[in-house]
Amino acid sequence: MAVLHPPAFDLDIVPDRQQVTVRVAGELDIATGPRLHDAVENLRACVWSAIALDLGDLTFIDSTGLALLLELCGVAGGDSGEVAVAVSCPALERLLTVSKLEHALPRR
């Protein structure tokens, strides 16, 4: 019988004076996206006005992960400007290029 392992995913929150950085590593997809969503929503509830996403250690992102990033960054109808991508990764850049959304995510 095959043993299923959860996708590799890690999330660290690094507060600073003016902003908080959420460092995400591993795979961002339907299985792991809720953890990132909950972390960002919790930070918003704590009244952080500037949230930076460090995605430099992502190894995989699918369309579900991209939709989540668009939602969190306000592109899909939320509050624009609160969340921005500070560090990207090749997997995200490739997905943005293929979907013609190269300039859709706010960058910091």
C-alpha atoms as a PDB file:
ATOM      1  CA  MET A   1       0.000   0.000   0.000  1.00  0.00           C
ATOM      2  CA  ALA A   2       1.331   3.443  -0.954  1.00  0.00           C
ATOM      3  CA  VAL A   3       1.924   5.926   1.821  1.00  0.00           C
ATOM      4  CA  LEU A   4       0.754   9.431   1.031  1.00  0.00           C
ATOM      5  CA  HIS A   5       2.851  12.245   2.426  1.00  0.00           C
ATOM      6  CA  PRO A   6       1.564  15.788   2.759  1.00  0.00           C
ATOM      7  CA  PRO A   7       3.180  18.308   0.413  1.00  0.00           C
ATOM      8  CA  ALA A   8       6.329  19.961   1.689  1.00  0.00           C
ATOM      9  CA  PHE A   9       5.306  23.329   3.089  1.00  0.00           C
ATOM     10  CA  ASP A  10       6.747  25.702   5.633  1.00  0.00           C
ATOM     11  CA  LEU A  11       5.611  29.128   6.759  1.00  0.00           C
ATOM     12  CA  ASP A  12       7.499  31.611   8.944  1.00  0.00           C
ATOM     13  CA  ILE A  13       6.295  34.996  10.141  1.00  0.00           C
ATOM     14  CA  VAL A  14       8.978  37.647  10.629  1.00  0.00           C
ATOM     15  CA  PRO A  15       7.727  40.907  12.151  1.00  0.00           C
ATOM     16  CA  ASP A  16       9.674  44.104  11.635  1.00  0.00           C
ATOM     17  CA  ARG A  17       8.977  47.688  12.614  1.00  0.00           C
ATOM     18  CA  GLN A  18       7.064  48.777   9.531  1.00  0.00           C
ATOM     19  CA  GLN A  19       5.936  45.475   8.052  1.00  0.00           C
ATOM     20  CA  VAL A  20       5.637  41.777   8.660  1.00  0.00           C
ATOM     21  CA  THR A  21       7.121  39.269   6.251  1.00  0.00           C
ATOM     22  CA  VAL A  22       5.548  35.890   5.622  1.00  0.00           C
ATOM     23  CA  ARG A  23       8.164  33.471   4.303  1.00  0.00           C
ATOM     24  CA  VAL A  24       6.700  30.541   2.412  1.00  0.00           C
ATOM     25  CA  ALA A  25       8.691  27.481   1.339  1.00  0.00           C
ATOM     26  CA  GLY A  26       7.798  24.273  -0.455  1.00  0.00           C
ATOM     27  CA  GLU A  27       4.586  23.769  -2.418  1.00  0.00           C
ATOM     28  CA  LEU A  28       1.696  26.227  -2.575  1.00  0.00           C
ATOM     29  CA  ASP A  29      -1.394  24.437  -3.824  1.00  0.00           C
ATOM     30  CA  ILE A  30      -4.894  23.380  -2.799  1.00  0.00           C
ATOM     31  CA  ALA A  31      -3.553  21.349   0.136  1.00  0.00           C
ATOM     32  CA  THR A  32      -1.296  24.044   1.610  1.00  0.00           C
ATOM     33  CA  GLY A  33      -3.004  27.267   0.547  1.00  0.00           C
ATOM     34  CA  PRO A  34      -5.355  27.418   3.534  1.00  0.00           C
ATOM     35  CA  ARG A  35      -2.371  27.720   5.894  1.00  0.00           C
ATOM     36  CA  LEU A  36      -1.084  30.792   4.037  1.00  0.00           C
ATOM     37  CA  HIS A  37      -4.583  32.254   3.839  1.00  0.00           C
ATOM     38  CA  ASP A  38      -5.140  31.812   7.587  1.00  0.00           C
ATOM     39  CA  ALA A  39      -1.730  33.283   8.434  1.00  0.00           C
ATOM     40  CA  VAL A  40      -2.348  36.426   6.366  1.00  0.00           C
ATOM     41  CA  GLU A  41      -5.879  36.853   7.714  1.00  0.00           C
ATOM     42  CA  ASN A  42      -4.567  36.533  11.271  1.00  0.00           C
ATOM     43  CA  LEU A  43      -1.956  39.212  10.568  1.00  0.00           C
ATOM     44  CA  ARG A  44      -4.633  41.496   9.125  1.00  0.00           C
ATOM     45  CA  ALA A  45      -6.710  40.923  12.269  1.00  0.00           C
ATOM     46  CA  CYS A  46      -3.670  42.022  14.301  1.00  0.00           C
ATOM     47  CA  VAL A  47      -3.756  45.273  12.290  1.00  0.00           C
ATOM     48  CA  TRP A  48      -0.543  44.840  10.291  1.00  0.00           C
ATOM     49  CA  SER A  49      -0.927  47.347   7.461  1.00  0.00           C
ATOM     50  CA  ALA A  50       2.041  46.105   5.402  1.00  0.00           C
ATOM     51  CA  ILE A  51       2.430  42.391   4.759  1.00  0.00           C
ATOM     52  CA  ALA A  52       5.261  41.220   2.507  1.00  0.00           C
ATOM     53  CA  LEU A  53       5.296  37.745   1.000  1.00  0.00           C
ATOM     54  CA  ASP A  54       8.700  36.113   0.612  1.00  0.00           C
ATOM     55  CA  LEU A  55       8.095  33.326  -1.902  1.00  0.00           C
ATOM     56  CA  GLY A  56      11.746  32.768  -2.774  1.00  0.00           C
ATOM     57  CA  ASP A  57      11.754  29.226  -1.431  1.00  0.00           C
ATOM     58  CA  LEU A  58       8.621  28.009  -3.198  1.00  0.00           C
ATOM     59  CA  THR A  59       9.384  24.944  -5.284  1.00  0.00           C
ATOM     60  CA  PHE A  60       5.908  24.552  -6.790  1.00  0.00           C
ATOM     61  CA  ILE A  61       2.772  26.636  -7.220  1.00  0.00           C
ATOM     62  CA  ASP A  62      -0.381  25.685  -9.090  1.00  0.00           C
ATOM     63  CA  SER A  63      -3.393  27.699 -10.274  1.00  0.00           C
ATOM     64  CA  THR A  64      -4.994  27.382  -6.832  1.00  0.00           C
ATOM     65  CA  GLY A  65      -1.910  28.932  -5.244  1.00  0.00           C
ATOM     66  CA  LEU A  66      -1.906  31.723  -7.826  1.00  0.00           C
ATOM     67  CA  ALA A  67      -5.600  32.442  -7.212  1.00  0.00           C
ATOM     68  CA  LEU A  68      -4.863  32.648  -3.493  1.00  0.00           C
ATOM     69  CA  LEU A  69      -2.022  35.126  -4.047  1.00  0.00           C
ATOM     70  CA  LEU A  70      -4.268  37.267  -6.250  1.00  0.00           C
ATOM     71  CA  GLU A  71      -6.933  37.221  -3.548  1.00  0.00           C
ATOM     72  CA  LEU A  72      -4.531  38.024  -0.717  1.00  0.00           C
ATOM     73  CA  CYS A  73      -2.915  40.869  -2.654  1.00  0.00           C
ATOM     74  CA  GLY A  74      -6.293  42.416  -3.374  1.00  0.00           C
ATOM     75  CA  VAL A  75      -6.273  41.840  -7.116  1.00  0.00           C
ATOM     76  CA  ALA A  76      -9.340  39.619  -6.895  1.00  0.00           C
ATOM     77  CA  GLY A  77     -11.459  42.113  -5.014  1.00  0.00           C
ATOM     78  CA  GLY A  78      -9.823  42.625  -1.617  1.00  0.00           C
ATOM     79  CA  ASP A  79      -8.036  45.610  -0.131  1.00  0.00           C
ATOM     80  CA  SER A  80      -5.306  46.504  -2.584  1.00  0.00           C
ATOM     81  CA  GLY A  81      -1.902  47.465  -1.276  1.00  0.00           C
ATOM     82  CA  GLU A  82      -1.891  45.636   2.064  1.00  0.00           C
ATOM     83  CA  VAL A  83      -0.162  42.492   0.839  1.00  0.00           C
ATOM     84  CA  ALA A  84       2.626  42.467  -1.753  1.00  0.00           C
ATOM     85  CA  VAL A  85       5.192  40.022  -3.096  1.00  0.00           C
ATOM     86  CA  ALA A  86       8.622  41.003  -1.789  1.00  0.00           C
ATOM     87  CA  VAL A  87      10.559  38.002  -3.127  1.00  0.00           C
ATOM     88  CA  SER A  88       9.400  35.793  -5.979  1.00  0.00           C
ATOM     89  CA  CYS A  89      10.560  32.442  -7.333  1.00  0.00           C
ATOM     90  CA  PRO A  90      10.973  30.860 -10.779  1.00  0.00           C
ATOM     91  CA  ALA A  91       7.850  28.685 -10.362  1.00  0.00           C
ATOM     92  CA  LEU A  92       5.658  31.732  -9.694  1.00  0.00           C
ATOM     93  CA  GLU A  93       7.213  33.808 -12.465  1.00  0.00           C
ATOM     94  CA  ARG A  94       6.684  30.963 -14.945  1.00  0.00           C
ATOM     95  CA  LEU A  95       3.017  30.616 -13.904  1.00  0.00           C
ATOM     96  CA  LEU A  96       2.464  34.374 -14.162  1.00  0.00           C
ATOM     97  CA  THR A  97       4.006  34.429 -17.649  1.00  0.00           C
ATOM     98  CA  VAL A  98       1.950  31.477 -18.907  1.00  0.00           C
ATOM     99  CA  SER A  99      -1.264  33.016 -17.566  1.00  0.00           C
ATOM    100  CA  LYS A 100      -0.313  36.499 -18.871  1.00  0.00           C
ATOM    101  CA  LEU A 101      -0.485  37.973 -15.370  1.00  0.00           C
ATOM    102  CA  GLU A 102       3.119  39.191 -15.152  1.00  0.00           C
ATOM    103  CA  HIS A 103       2.087  42.550 -13.682  1.00  0.00           C
ATOM    104  CA  ALA A 104      -0.967  41.441 -11.694  1.00  0.00           C
ATOM    105  CA  LEU A 105       0.640  41.021  -8.281  1.00  0.00           C
ATOM    106  CA  PRO A 106       1.827  44.072  -6.363  1.00  0.00           C
ATOM    107  CA  ARG A 107       5.558  43.945  -5.664  1.00  0.00           C
ATOM    108  CA  ARG A 108       7.482  45.407  -2.781  1.00  0.00           C
END
